Amino acid sequence: MEEAIADRGHLLRNLLLFGRLLRKLGLDVNPGRMIDLANALALIQIGRRQDFFFTAQSLLVQRREDLALFKDAFDLFWVDPRDRVIARGRRQDQTPFTRPEFAPPPLKPQAAEPPGDGTRDAGERTIVETTYSPSDREALRHKDFSQLTAEEMRAIKAMMDDLLWRPGERHTRRLIAGSGAALDLRRTLRRNIAHGGELVRFAERGPKLKPRPLVIIADISGSMERYTRLLLHFIYSLSAGLEQPVETFVFSTRLTRITRPLRQRSVDRALRDVSRAVTDWAGGTRIGEALKMFNYRWARRVMRSSAVVLIISDGWDRGDPDLLRREMARLQRSCRRVIWLNPLLGSADYQPLARGMQAALPYIDDFLPVHNLASLEDLAVRLAQLK
């Protein structure tokens, strides 16, 4: 029994990595399709490679022109490790499998790819493989982002990309067919015509569900510099992992909207475009002024009352605390929930003594740490529980 559970867990981890590989290659593979594939594999003989291949192809390939690419990726990824070692010895002089502008991730479950600087040509891709034991990976999950080595940072980015983000859904006013508390009289009558009008079968309808919109406002001032690079990667992974758009802003001394640059399909290109759009990296902090600009210029354009707002900041502020207090109150009234993510909150002896943090606290619904991968996993659970 325990062996079966372990095998199932190993398969799911590899499915996540395979989906990540396909997304890097440009296929439209979302978490929902990967979940459908995991459920479908329970109904076939997974040991039969051909059955596995055609099941995966039918669920993950949407366009005819992607069939050949999918087959190459499947053959490359789903290989017995022993066969892979033999194959490497035979193909040392051959060009590795690549597709222009997209770098496939490493093939081992614990692999990670190096961060791009936006200066390499599409064909100049380097695959770095780093193997971590289960205990090493567990330790890495709890290691503070500010203390990571370059190698560990690459591994953490790969783990971030594998997180599933499913914010809670909201009920809309529109009613649709399905199970619900309301009786659909018209559909009930039509359904029972064959029974001479006698009400034998009832049709119900319930509210249509929509995911809650997310707005992210992130601090990129000097005091956040140790965390900025990884947190921007987290924001990109979160935006890429959701079907609904995520509105994203960053601030130091001024507010900048970076929603459009983050829509790039390549994380390196997205972060390069963000760096070009933002002019106040690692500057001073004016949280109140930034929130005022958001409230007056952007809130009505990009945010509904059902939105969840994530503010990422350590709370160190050089501005007017009264202004911050007023703008936090205005923001809280305008959205469903305000979640403040503070990397310093991960420290056991942290106290919110900064005047900016003290001014904001009364208007925060959830005050959470965001200093390591485990804290991001906890955030994913918290968002999924929102009603």
Protein backbone atom coordinates (compact mmCIF):
# COMPACT_ATOMS: atom_id res chain seq x y z
CA MET A 1 0.00 0.00 0.00
CA GLU A 2 2.76 2.44 0.99
CA GLU A 3 4.66 1.51 -2.19
CA ALA A 4 1.61 2.34 -4.31
CA ILE A 5 1.22 5.71 -2.62
CA ALA A 6 4.92 6.48 -3.13
CA ASP A 7 4.71 5.49 -6.82
CA ARG A 8 1.62 7.67 -7.24
CA GLY A 9 3.43 10.64 -5.68
CA HIS A 10 6.45 10.11 -7.92
CA LEU A 11 4.20 10.00 -10.99
CA LEU A 12 2.41 13.21 -10.02
CA ARG A 13 5.72 15.03 -9.51
CA ASN A 14 6.88 13.94 -12.95
CA LEU A 15 3.57 14.97 -14.50
CA LEU A 16 4.06 18.46 -13.04
CA LEU A 17 7.54 18.63 -14.57
CA PHE A 18 6.28 17.33 -17.90
CA GLY A 19 3.56 20.00 -17.97
CA ARG A 20 6.18 22.62 -17.20
CA LEU A 21 8.31 21.37 -20.08
CA LEU A 22 5.37 21.59 -22.50
CA ARG A 23 4.55 25.14 -21.36
CA LYS A 24 8.17 26.15 -21.90
CA LEU A 25 7.93 24.76 -25.43
CA GLY A 26 4.89 26.91 -26.12
CA LEU A 27 2.00 24.43 -25.73
CA ASP A 28 -1.14 25.66 -24.03
CA VAL A 29 -1.07 23.33 -21.01
CA ASN A 30 -2.82 24.60 -17.89
CA PRO A 31 -3.07 22.93 -14.45
CA GLY A 32 -6.64 21.79 -15.16
CA ARG A 33 -5.50 19.67 -18.11
CA MET A 34 -2.70 18.14 -16.05
CA ILE A 35 -5.22 17.18 -13.35
CA ASP A 36 -7.45 15.60 -16.04
CA LEU A 37 -4.44 13.63 -17.28
CA ALA A 38 -3.59 12.41 -13.76
CA ASN A 39 -7.19 11.20 -13.33
CA ALA A 40 -7.23 9.55 -16.77
CA LEU A 41 -4.01 7.62 -16.09
CA ALA A 42 -5.79 5.81 -13.25
CA LEU A 43 -8.12 4.27 -15.86
CA ILE A 44 -5.50 2.82 -18.22
CA GLN A 45 -2.55 0.44 -17.99
CA ILE A 46 0.13 3.02 -17.47
CA GLY A 47 2.84 0.44 -18.11
CA ARG A 48 1.77 0.34 -21.75
CA ARG A 49 3.72 3.26 -23.21
CA GLN A 50 1.47 3.61 -26.27
CA ASP A 51 -1.68 3.94 -24.15
CA PHE A 52 0.07 6.50 -21.95
CA PHE A 53 1.23 8.48 -25.00
CA PHE A 54 -2.15 8.70 -26.74
CA THR A 55 -3.98 9.51 -23.51
CA ALA A 56 -1.58 12.37 -22.80
CA GLN A 57 -1.68 13.58 -26.41
CA SER A 58 -5.48 13.67 -26.53
CA LEU A 59 -5.67 15.79 -23.36
CA LEU A 60 -2.66 18.08 -23.75
CA VAL A 61 -2.37 18.84 -27.48
CA GLN A 62 -4.89 21.34 -28.82
CA ARG A 63 -3.33 22.20 -32.20
CA ARG A 64 -2.35 19.86 -35.04
CA GLU A 65 0.95 21.71 -35.57
CA ASP A 66 2.01 20.81 -32.01
CA LEU A 67 1.72 17.04 -32.49
CA ALA A 68 5.31 16.50 -33.67
CA LEU A 69 6.69 18.73 -30.91
CA PHE A 70 4.66 16.88 -28.29
CA LYS A 71 5.96 13.51 -29.52
CA ASP A 72 9.57 14.72 -29.30
CA ALA A 73 9.02 16.09 -25.80
CA PHE A 74 7.25 12.90 -24.68
CA ASP A 75 10.02 10.64 -26.03
CA LEU A 76 12.68 12.79 -24.41
CA PHE A 77 11.03 13.12 -21.02
CA TRP A 78 9.43 9.72 -20.37
CA VAL A 79 12.60 7.63 -20.59
CA ASP A 80 13.88 5.08 -18.15
CA PRO A 81 16.86 6.71 -16.35
CA ARG A 82 19.06 3.73 -17.27
CA ASP A 83 18.18 4.14 -20.93
CA ARG A 84 18.91 7.86 -20.67
CA VAL A 85 22.45 7.19 -19.43
CA ILE A 86 23.08 4.79 -22.32
CA ALA A 87 21.56 7.23 -24.80
CA ARG A 88 23.74 10.07 -23.57
CA GLY A 89 26.82 8.00 -24.25
CA ARG A 90 25.66 7.38 -27.80
CA ARG A 91 24.68 11.01 -28.52
CA GLN A 92 27.53 13.00 -27.03
CA ASP A 93 28.25 14.73 -30.32
CA GLN A 94 24.64 15.43 -31.27
CA THR A 95 22.83 18.73 -30.79
CA PRO A 96 20.47 18.67 -27.76
CA PHE A 97 16.74 18.95 -28.33
CA THR A 98 15.69 22.63 -28.26
CA ARG A 99 13.09 24.93 -29.71
CA PRO A 100 13.92 28.58 -30.48
CA GLU A 101 13.09 31.09 -27.73
CA PHE A 102 12.10 28.46 -25.19
CA ALA A 103 14.45 26.56 -22.92
CA PRO A 104 13.11 23.14 -21.92
CA PRO A 105 13.61 22.43 -18.23
CA PRO A 106 15.99 19.69 -17.08
CA LEU A 107 14.70 16.15 -17.24
CA LYS A 108 15.39 15.07 -13.65
CA PRO A 109 12.65 15.77 -11.09
CA GLN A 110 14.97 17.97 -9.00
CA ALA A 111 16.42 19.92 -11.89
CA ALA A 112 16.32 23.65 -12.38
CA GLU A 113 17.31 25.99 -15.19
CA PRO A 114 19.55 29.01 -14.76
CA PRO A 115 17.97 32.44 -14.74
CA GLY A 116 18.26 34.32 -17.99
CA ASP A 117 19.74 37.76 -18.30
CA GLY A 118 17.97 38.53 -21.55
CA THR A 119 21.24 38.73 -23.51
CA ARG A 120 21.61 35.18 -24.79
CA ASP A 121 20.54 34.15 -28.26
CA ALA A 122 17.61 31.77 -28.54
CA GLY A 123 19.88 28.84 -29.37
CA GLU A 124 22.34 29.46 -26.55
CA ARG A 125 20.65 27.58 -23.74
CA THR A 126 22.41 25.80 -20.92
CA ILE A 127 20.73 23.06 -18.91
CA VAL A 128 21.96 22.73 -15.35
CA GLU A 129 21.01 19.62 -13.40
CA THR A 130 21.12 19.59 -9.63
CA THR A 131 19.94 16.60 -7.64
CA TYR A 132 18.50 17.09 -4.16
CA SER A 133 17.57 14.33 -1.75
CA PRO A 134 14.10 14.50 -0.15
CA SER A 135 15.62 15.83 3.07
CA ASP A 136 17.60 18.46 1.13
CA ARG A 137 14.47 19.57 -0.70
CA GLU A 138 12.56 19.82 2.56
CA ALA A 139 15.31 21.98 4.06
CA LEU A 140 15.35 24.12 0.95
CA ARG A 141 11.59 24.71 1.22
CA HIS A 142 12.14 26.35 4.62
CA LYS A 143 15.31 28.28 3.81
CA ASP A 144 14.96 32.06 3.76
CA PHE A 145 15.10 33.52 0.25
CA SER A 146 17.76 36.01 1.33
CA GLN A 147 20.14 33.18 2.28
CA LEU A 148 19.96 31.11 -0.92
CA THR A 149 22.99 30.39 -3.05
CA ALA A 150 22.73 30.89 -6.82
CA GLU A 151 22.27 27.14 -7.28
CA GLU A 152 19.55 26.97 -4.63
CA MET A 153 17.84 29.98 -6.16
CA ARG A 154 17.56 28.15 -9.49
CA ALA A 155 16.03 25.15 -7.73
CA ILE A 156 13.55 27.32 -5.82
CA LYS A 157 12.43 29.02 -9.04
CA ALA A 158 11.71 25.62 -10.56
CA MET A 159 9.69 24.65 -7.47
CA MET A 160 7.76 27.93 -7.67
CA ASP A 161 6.81 27.12 -11.25
CA ASP A 162 5.28 23.84 -10.08
CA LEU A 163 2.97 25.40 -7.48
CA LEU A 164 -0.75 25.25 -8.29
CA TRP A 165 -2.67 28.49 -7.76
CA ARG A 166 -6.45 28.28 -7.49
CA PRO A 167 -7.92 31.30 -5.70
CA GLY A 168 -11.39 30.83 -4.27
CA GLU A 169 -14.35 31.43 -6.54
CA ARG A 170 -17.12 33.95 -6.10
CA HIS A 171 -20.83 33.58 -6.85
CA THR A 172 -22.11 35.84 -9.63
CA ARG A 173 -25.69 37.01 -10.02
CA ARG A 174 -26.10 34.98 -13.18
CA LEU A 175 -27.79 31.59 -12.68
CA ILE A 176 -26.84 28.59 -14.77
CA ALA A 177 -28.16 25.05 -15.11
CA GLY A 178 -26.82 22.59 -12.57
CA SER A 179 -27.15 21.70 -8.94
CA GLY A 180 -28.30 24.60 -6.83
CA ALA A 181 -30.91 25.86 -4.44
CA ALA A 182 -33.21 27.40 -7.05
CA LEU A 183 -35.76 25.47 -9.07
CA ASP A 184 -35.54 26.09 -12.84
CA LEU A 185 -39.25 26.06 -13.67
CA ARG A 186 -38.96 26.29 -17.47
CA ARG A 187 -36.44 23.46 -17.74
CA THR A 188 -38.47 21.39 -15.27
CA LEU A 189 -41.62 21.73 -17.40
CA ARG A 190 -39.79 20.92 -20.65
CA ARG A 191 -38.10 17.92 -19.04
CA ASN A 192 -41.44 16.47 -17.90
CA ILE A 193 -43.47 16.91 -21.12
CA ALA A 194 -42.92 13.24 -21.93
CA HIS A 195 -44.58 12.34 -18.62
CA GLY A 196 -47.80 14.11 -19.52
CA GLY A 197 -46.93 17.21 -17.55
CA GLU A 198 -46.56 15.34 -14.26
CA LEU A 199 -43.56 16.63 -12.36
CA VAL A 200 -41.30 13.61 -12.14
CA ARG A 201 -37.87 15.12 -12.77
CA PHE A 202 -36.82 18.50 -11.44
CA ALA A 203 -34.21 20.85 -12.92
CA GLU A 204 -32.22 23.17 -10.71
CA ARG A 205 -30.02 26.14 -11.31
CA GLY A 206 -27.38 27.86 -9.23
CA PRO A 207 -25.10 30.87 -9.41
CA LYS A 208 -22.28 30.87 -11.93
CA LEU A 209 -18.86 30.73 -10.27
CA LYS A 210 -15.97 32.95 -11.28
CA PRO A 211 -12.44 33.09 -9.86
CA ARG A 212 -11.75 36.09 -7.70
CA PRO A 213 -9.60 38.70 -9.46
CA LEU A 214 -6.16 39.30 -7.98
CA VAL A 215 -4.27 42.58 -7.70
CA ILE A 216 -0.62 42.56 -6.59
CA ILE A 217 1.19 45.66 -5.32
CA ALA A 218 4.86 44.88 -4.61
CA ASP A 219 7.55 46.91 -2.87
CA ILE A 220 10.87 47.02 -4.80
CA SER A 221 12.60 49.58 -2.58
CA GLY A 222 16.12 49.24 -1.19
CA SER A 223 15.02 47.47 2.00
CA MET A 224 13.36 44.73 -0.12
CA GLU A 225 16.32 44.25 -2.45
CA ARG A 226 17.32 40.86 -0.94
CA TYR A 227 13.92 39.44 -1.88
CA THR A 228 12.93 41.36 -5.01
CA ARG A 229 14.30 39.00 -7.68
CA LEU A 230 12.68 35.84 -6.29
CA LEU A 231 9.42 37.60 -5.45
CA LEU A 232 9.16 38.90 -9.01
CA HIS A 233 9.64 35.33 -10.23
CA PHE A 234 6.89 34.26 -7.83
CA ILE A 235 4.57 36.95 -9.25
CA TYR A 236 5.33 35.79 -12.79
CA SER A 237 4.66 32.13 -11.89
CA LEU A 238 1.41 33.07 -10.15
CA SER A 239 0.24 35.15 -13.13
CA ALA A 240 1.18 32.42 -15.62
CA GLY A 241 -0.56 29.72 -13.56
CA LEU A 242 -3.98 31.39 -13.50
CA GLU A 243 -6.59 31.58 -16.23
CA GLN A 244 -7.84 34.97 -15.08
CA PRO A 245 -5.59 38.02 -15.56
CA VAL A 246 -3.61 39.30 -12.58
CA GLU A 247 -3.07 43.04 -12.28
CA THR A 248 0.43 43.77 -10.98
CA PHE A 249 2.09 46.98 -9.78
CA VAL A 250 5.47 47.67 -8.21
CA PHE A 251 6.59 50.71 -6.27
CA SER A 252 9.49 52.35 -4.51
CA THR A 253 9.06 56.12 -4.76
CA ARG A 254 6.42 55.83 -7.51
CA LEU A 255 3.89 53.27 -8.72
CA THR A 256 4.44 51.38 -12.00
CA ARG A 257 2.03 48.97 -13.64
CA ILE A 258 3.83 45.85 -14.95
CA THR A 259 0.85 43.71 -15.93
CA ARG A 260 1.64 43.74 -19.64
CA PRO A 261 5.36 42.86 -19.41
CA LEU A 262 4.50 39.87 -17.20
CA ARG A 263 2.32 38.40 -19.96
CA GLN A 264 5.42 37.33 -21.89
CA ARG A 265 5.68 33.57 -22.32
CA SER A 266 9.35 33.62 -21.34
CA VAL A 267 10.15 34.53 -17.74
CA ASP A 268 13.55 35.95 -18.74
CA ARG A 269 11.98 38.20 -21.33
CA ALA A 270 9.20 39.24 -18.94
CA LEU A 271 11.62 40.26 -16.19
CA ARG A 272 13.83 42.05 -18.70
CA ASP A 273 10.85 44.10 -19.89
CA VAL A 274 9.89 44.83 -16.27
CA SER A 275 13.39 46.13 -15.55
CA ARG A 276 13.07 48.48 -18.50
CA ALA A 277 9.67 49.76 -17.42
CA VAL A 278 10.62 50.50 -13.81
CA THR A 279 12.86 53.51 -13.09
CA ASP A 280 13.04 53.51 -9.29
CA TRP A 281 14.58 50.14 -8.38
CA ALA A 282 15.95 49.93 -4.83
CA GLY A 283 15.04 53.53 -4.04
CA GLY A 284 13.31 54.99 -1.03
CA THR A 285 9.89 53.81 0.09
CA ARG A 286 6.70 55.84 -0.20
CA ILE A 287 3.95 53.30 0.47
CA GLY A 288 1.23 55.86 1.15
CA GLU A 289 1.95 57.82 -2.05
CA ALA A 290 1.99 54.59 -4.09
CA LEU A 291 -1.35 53.43 -2.68
CA LYS A 292 -2.85 56.87 -3.25
CA MET A 293 -1.85 56.71 -6.92
CA PHE A 294 -3.36 53.23 -7.17
CA ASN A 295 -6.60 54.22 -5.43
CA TYR A 296 -7.19 57.34 -7.52
CA ARG A 297 -5.74 56.34 -10.90
CA TRP A 298 -6.04 52.58 -11.19
CA ALA A 299 -8.51 51.05 -8.72
CA ARG A 300 -11.68 51.70 -10.73
CA ARG A 301 -9.99 50.62 -13.96
CA VAL A 302 -8.48 47.30 -12.88
CA MET A 303 -10.20 46.24 -9.66
CA ARG A 304 -13.70 45.16 -8.69
CA SER A 305 -15.15 44.96 -5.22
CA SER A 306 -14.68 41.17 -5.33
CA ALA A 307 -10.91 41.45 -5.82
CA VAL A 308 -8.24 40.17 -3.46
CA VAL A 309 -5.29 42.55 -3.07
CA LEU A 310 -1.82 41.22 -2.23
CA ILE A 311 0.59 43.83 -0.89
CA ILE A 312 4.20 42.63 -0.68
CA SER A 313 6.33 44.86 1.55
CA ASP A 314 8.44 44.87 4.70
CA GLY A 315 6.56 47.97 5.90
CA TRP A 316 9.58 50.27 6.08
CA ASP A 317 8.27 53.64 4.92
CA ARG A 318 9.70 57.15 4.66
CA GLY A 319 6.39 58.77 3.84
CA ASP A 320 3.54 60.20 5.88
CA PRO A 321 2.00 57.49 8.13
CA ASP A 322 -1.33 59.36 8.20
CA LEU A 323 -1.47 59.24 4.40
CA LEU A 324 -0.70 55.52 4.47
CA ARG A 325 -3.44 55.00 7.04
CA ARG A 326 -6.03 56.85 4.91
CA GLU A 327 -5.12 55.06 1.69
CA MET A 328 -5.13 51.64 3.34
CA ALA A 329 -8.61 52.35 4.69
CA ARG A 330 -9.76 53.41 1.20
CA LEU A 331 -8.23 50.32 -0.38
CA GLN A 332 -9.82 47.97 2.14
CA ARG A 333 -13.25 49.45 1.43
CA SER A 334 -12.75 48.96 -2.31
CA CYS A 335 -11.90 45.25 -2.38
CA ARG A 336 -12.92 41.94 -0.89
CA ARG A 337 -9.75 41.27 1.10
CA VAL A 338 -6.32 42.79 1.74
CA ILE A 339 -3.48 40.32 2.29
CA TRP A 340 -0.14 41.81 3.34
CA LEU A 341 2.91 39.61 2.68
CA ASN A 342 5.96 40.60 4.71
CA PRO A 343 9.28 38.70 4.28
CA LEU A 344 10.42 39.82 7.74
CA LEU A 345 7.45 38.08 9.35
CA GLY A 346 9.26 34.78 8.84
CA SER A 347 11.69 35.68 11.62
CA ALA A 348 10.70 34.26 15.01
CA ASP A 349 11.49 37.50 16.85
CA TYR A 350 9.89 39.87 14.35
CA GLN A 351 7.66 42.63 15.69
CA PRO A 352 5.82 45.08 13.39
CA LEU A 353 7.49 48.14 14.89
CA ALA A 354 8.10 50.09 11.66
CA ARG A 355 5.74 53.06 11.57
CA GLY A 356 4.50 52.15 8.10
CA MET A 357 3.62 48.66 9.23
CA GLN A 358 1.88 49.95 12.34
CA ALA A 359 -0.17 52.40 10.26
CA ALA A 360 -1.29 49.66 7.86
CA LEU A 361 -2.04 46.82 10.30
CA PRO A 362 -5.61 47.86 11.28
CA TYR A 363 -6.67 47.59 7.62
CA ILE A 364 -5.09 44.22 6.82
CA ASP A 365 -7.26 41.10 6.70
CA ASP A 366 -4.37 38.59 6.55
CA PHE A 367 -0.80 39.32 7.66
CA LEU A 368 1.43 36.54 6.29
CA PRO A 369 5.15 35.81 5.80
CA VAL A 370 6.64 35.48 2.32
CA HIS A 371 10.26 34.55 3.04
CA ASN A 372 10.56 30.98 1.73
CA LEU A 373 8.88 28.41 -0.49
CA ALA A 374 6.86 26.94 2.38
CA SER A 375 5.29 30.36 3.00
CA LEU A 376 4.23 30.52 -0.68
CA GLU A 377 2.67 27.06 -0.36
CA ASP A 378 0.73 28.30 2.68
CA LEU A 379 -0.39 31.34 0.66
CA ALA A 380 -1.69 29.08 -2.12
CA VAL A 381 -3.80 27.20 0.46
CA ARG A 382 -5.08 30.45 1.97
CA LEU A 383 -6.12 31.81 -1.44
CA ALA A 384 -7.86 28.54 -2.31
CA GLN A 385 -9.93 28.79 0.88
CA LEU A 386 -11.30 32.25 0.09
CA LYS A 387 -15.04 32.41 -0.46
